[in-house]
C-alpha cells in the first residue's frame, strides 16, 4: 500500500509539474518606444512654441505635480506650484528659447524616458543689445496612468567655455620673481 501511495504521489507531482510548465507566460507589453520618443520630441517642440507665446499654463501642463526643477544658481524647485514661479520668471523676460534635442531614450518598460540636449537663450535688453547663453539639459519623463507623458525632473547647467591655459612666464620674468 505504501508503494501505491508513492506511485500516486509521484504521478500527481509529475502531472502538477507538467501543468505548471505548460502555462503560458503573460504576453510582453507592446514595444511603444518609437511612438513614445516621437511624443516626447513633439512635447519639446510644443514647449518652445508655448514659451514663445508666453503661455504659462501650457508650459506648466508638461510637468507632473511632484516634479523637481533644477537650474544653475538657484535652489531646486519642488512641486508644480514652485516650478510655476521659475517658469513664470523665465517667460517674463524678453527671451527667445531654442532647444536642440540630442537624444531621447525610452525605457523598455515604457514608463520612464530621458530627454537631453541643449538650450540656447537669446535675450535682447532695453538698449537692443543681444546676449546669448547656452546650457545643457536633461529631462526625466514619466508615463502617467492616462498614457500622457509628464516631466518628473528638469535640470540644466550652463555650458562652461574651456579656459585658456595660463601663459607661461618667460625666463626673465621667472628670474625677477626670485
Protein backbone atom coordinates (compact mmCIF):
# COMPACT_ATOMS: atom_id res chain seq x y z
CA UNK A 1 0.00 0.00 0.00
CA UNK A 2 2.86 2.31 0.74
CA UNK A 3 4.24 1.67 -2.70
CA UNK A 4 0.90 2.61 -4.33
CA UNK A 5 0.85 5.86 -2.35
CA UNK A 6 4.36 6.67 -3.55
CA UNK A 7 3.37 5.99 -7.14
CA UNK A 8 0.20 8.10 -6.81
CA UNK A 9 2.18 10.92 -5.19
CA UNK A 10 4.85 10.77 -7.93
CA UNK A 11 2.21 10.73 -10.66
CA UNK A 12 0.39 13.68 -9.07
CA UNK A 13 3.69 15.59 -8.74
CA UNK A 14 4.57 14.95 -12.40
CA UNK A 15 1.08 15.99 -13.52
CA UNK A 16 1.24 19.23 -11.49
CA UNK A 17 4.75 19.95 -12.73
CA UNK A 18 3.74 19.36 -16.34
CA UNK A 19 0.66 21.56 -15.93
CA UNK A 20 2.78 24.34 -14.44
CA UNK A 21 5.29 24.13 -17.25
CA UNK A 22 2.54 24.21 -19.81
CA UNK A 23 1.13 27.52 -18.59
CA UNK A 24 1.87 30.38 -20.89
CA UNK A 25 3.75 33.37 -19.61
CA UNK A 26 1.83 36.65 -19.80
CA UNK A 27 2.43 38.40 -23.09
CA UNK A 28 5.05 41.14 -23.03
CA UNK A 29 3.56 44.59 -23.38
CA UNK A 30 3.84 46.02 -26.87
CA UNK A 31 7.03 47.94 -27.60
CA UNK A 32 5.89 51.56 -27.90
CA UNK A 33 9.31 53.17 -27.54
CA UNK A 34 9.41 54.69 -31.02
CA UNK A 35 5.96 56.26 -30.62
CA UNK A 36 6.81 57.42 -27.09
CA UNK A 37 10.04 59.02 -28.35
CA UNK A 38 8.08 60.88 -31.05
CA UNK A 39 5.57 62.06 -28.43
CA UNK A 40 8.35 63.42 -26.21
CA UNK A 41 10.11 65.16 -29.10
CA UNK A 42 6.79 66.77 -30.08
CA UNK A 43 6.29 67.89 -26.46
CA UNK A 44 9.74 69.55 -26.53
CA UNK A 45 8.78 71.44 -29.70
CA UNK A 46 5.39 72.40 -28.26
CA UNK A 47 7.02 73.68 -25.07
CA UNK A 48 9.21 76.02 -27.14
CA UNK A 49 6.16 77.30 -29.06
CA UNK A 50 4.23 77.83 -25.83
CA UNK A 51 7.19 79.60 -24.23
CA UNK A 52 7.48 81.91 -27.26
CA UNK A 53 3.76 82.66 -26.88
CA UNK A 54 4.36 83.33 -23.14
CA UNK A 55 1.65 80.76 -22.31
CA UNK A 56 2.49 79.78 -18.74
CA UNK A 57 -0.38 77.31 -18.31
CA UNK A 58 0.51 75.34 -21.43
CA UNK A 59 4.18 75.26 -20.39
CA UNK A 60 3.17 74.01 -16.95
CA UNK A 61 0.95 71.29 -18.44
CA UNK A 62 4.09 69.26 -19.21
CA UNK A 63 5.13 68.99 -15.54
CA UNK A 64 3.97 66.35 -13.06
CA UNK A 65 2.52 67.65 -9.79
CA UNK A 66 5.54 66.36 -7.83
CA UNK A 67 8.21 67.36 -10.38
CA UNK A 68 11.61 68.78 -9.42
CA UNK A 69 13.24 71.67 -11.32
CA UNK A 70 16.99 72.27 -11.01
CA UNK A 71 18.80 75.13 -12.71
CA UNK A 72 22.15 76.84 -12.25
CA UNK A 73 22.44 79.37 -9.48
CA UNK A 74 19.09 78.87 -7.73
CA UNK A 75 17.73 76.36 -5.22
CA UNK A 76 15.75 73.42 -6.59
CA UNK A 77 12.04 74.00 -7.05
CA UNK A 78 9.98 71.05 -5.83
CA UNK A 79 6.36 70.70 -6.88
CA UNK A 80 4.43 72.24 -9.72
CA UNK A 81 3.50 75.41 -7.82
CA UNK A 82 7.14 76.23 -7.08
CA UNK A 83 8.22 75.38 -10.62
CA UNK A 84 5.50 77.71 -11.90
CA UNK A 85 7.28 80.67 -10.25
CA UNK A 86 10.55 79.85 -12.04
CA UNK A 87 8.90 79.30 -15.42
CA UNK A 88 6.86 82.49 -14.98
CA UNK A 89 10.09 84.44 -14.38
CA UNK A 90 11.63 82.90 -17.50
CA UNK A 91 8.62 83.79 -19.63
CA UNK A 92 8.51 87.37 -18.29
CA UNK A 93 11.99 88.03 -19.64
CA UNK A 94 12.45 89.17 -23.25
CA UNK A 95 13.95 85.83 -24.20
CA UNK A 96 13.87 83.58 -27.24
CA UNK A 97 14.41 79.89 -26.49
CA UNK A 98 15.74 77.30 -28.92
CA UNK A 99 16.02 73.68 -27.90
CA UNK A 100 18.17 71.14 -29.68
CA UNK A 101 17.25 67.61 -28.63
CA UNK A 102 20.33 65.41 -28.67
CA UNK A 103 18.69 62.18 -27.59
CA UNK A 104 15.52 60.66 -26.20
CA UNK A 105 15.81 57.28 -24.52
CA UNK A 106 12.62 55.46 -23.55
CA UNK A 107 12.99 52.57 -21.12
CA UNK A 108 11.86 49.16 -22.41
CA UNK A 109 9.31 49.12 -19.60
CA UNK A 110 7.65 52.07 -21.36
CA UNK A 111 7.07 54.07 -18.18
CA UNK A 112 10.19 56.29 -18.00
CA UNK A 113 12.18 58.28 -20.51
CA UNK A 114 15.19 60.58 -20.56
CA UNK A 115 15.50 63.51 -22.92
CA UNK A 116 18.72 65.52 -23.22
CA UNK A 117 20.13 68.29 -25.34
CA UNK A 118 20.99 71.98 -25.35
CA UNK A 119 19.03 75.15 -24.74
CA UNK A 120 20.02 78.45 -26.30
CA UNK A 121 18.51 81.55 -24.74
CA UNK A 122 18.77 84.84 -26.60
CA UNK A 123 17.89 87.97 -24.61
CA UNK A 124 17.51 91.47 -26.02
CA UNK A 125 17.84 94.21 -23.40
CA UNK A 126 16.12 97.61 -23.43
CA UNK A 127 19.00 99.15 -25.40
CA UNK A 128 18.74 96.47 -28.10
CA UNK A 129 21.86 94.61 -27.00
CA UNK A 130 21.63 90.90 -27.64
CA UNK A 131 23.21 88.27 -25.41
CA UNK A 132 23.10 84.54 -25.87
CA UNK A 133 23.69 81.80 -23.35
CA UNK A 134 23.77 78.06 -23.78
CA UNK A 135 23.01 75.30 -21.31
CA UNK A 136 22.74 71.54 -21.36
CA UNK A 137 19.56 69.95 -20.08
CA UNK A 138 18.22 66.59 -19.01
CA UNK A 139 14.53 65.85 -18.56
CA UNK A 140 13.16 62.73 -16.92
CA UNK A 141 9.69 61.90 -18.19
CA UNK A 142 7.16 59.52 -16.64
CA UNK A 143 4.18 57.96 -18.38
CA UNK A 144 1.04 58.69 -16.39
CA UNK A 145 -1.89 56.30 -15.88
CA UNK A 146 -3.81 58.06 -18.69
CA UNK A 147 -0.92 57.43 -21.13
CA UNK A 148 0.33 61.02 -21.18
CA UNK A 149 3.97 61.87 -20.52
CA UNK A 150 4.90 64.37 -17.77
CA UNK A 151 8.24 65.80 -16.71
CA UNK A 152 9.31 64.45 -13.32
CA UNK A 153 12.74 66.10 -13.23
CA UNK A 154 14.10 69.06 -15.20
CA UNK A 155 17.73 70.02 -14.79
CA UNK A 156 20.10 72.22 -16.70
CA UNK A 157 23.60 73.57 -16.32
CA UNK A 158 25.27 76.45 -18.06
CA UNK A 159 27.84 75.40 -20.61
CA UNK A 160 31.28 76.34 -19.44
CA UNK A 161 33.67 77.55 -22.08
CA UNK A 162 37.08 75.91 -21.92
CA UNK A 163 39.58 78.12 -20.16
CA UNK A 164 42.73 79.16 -21.90
CA UNK A 165 45.87 77.65 -20.47
CA UNK A 166 47.81 80.07 -18.35
CA UNK A 167 50.54 81.83 -20.30
CA UNK A 168 54.00 80.56 -19.50
CA UNK A 169 56.27 83.11 -17.94
CA UNK A 170 59.46 83.90 -19.73
CA UNK A 171 62.80 83.00 -18.15
CA UNK A 172 63.41 86.68 -17.48
CA UNK A 173 60.09 87.03 -15.55
CA UNK A 174 60.86 83.89 -13.50
CA UNK A 175 64.32 85.25 -12.59
CA UNK A 176 62.87 88.58 -11.46
CA UNK A 177 60.49 86.81 -9.11
CA UNK A 178 63.37 85.11 -7.23
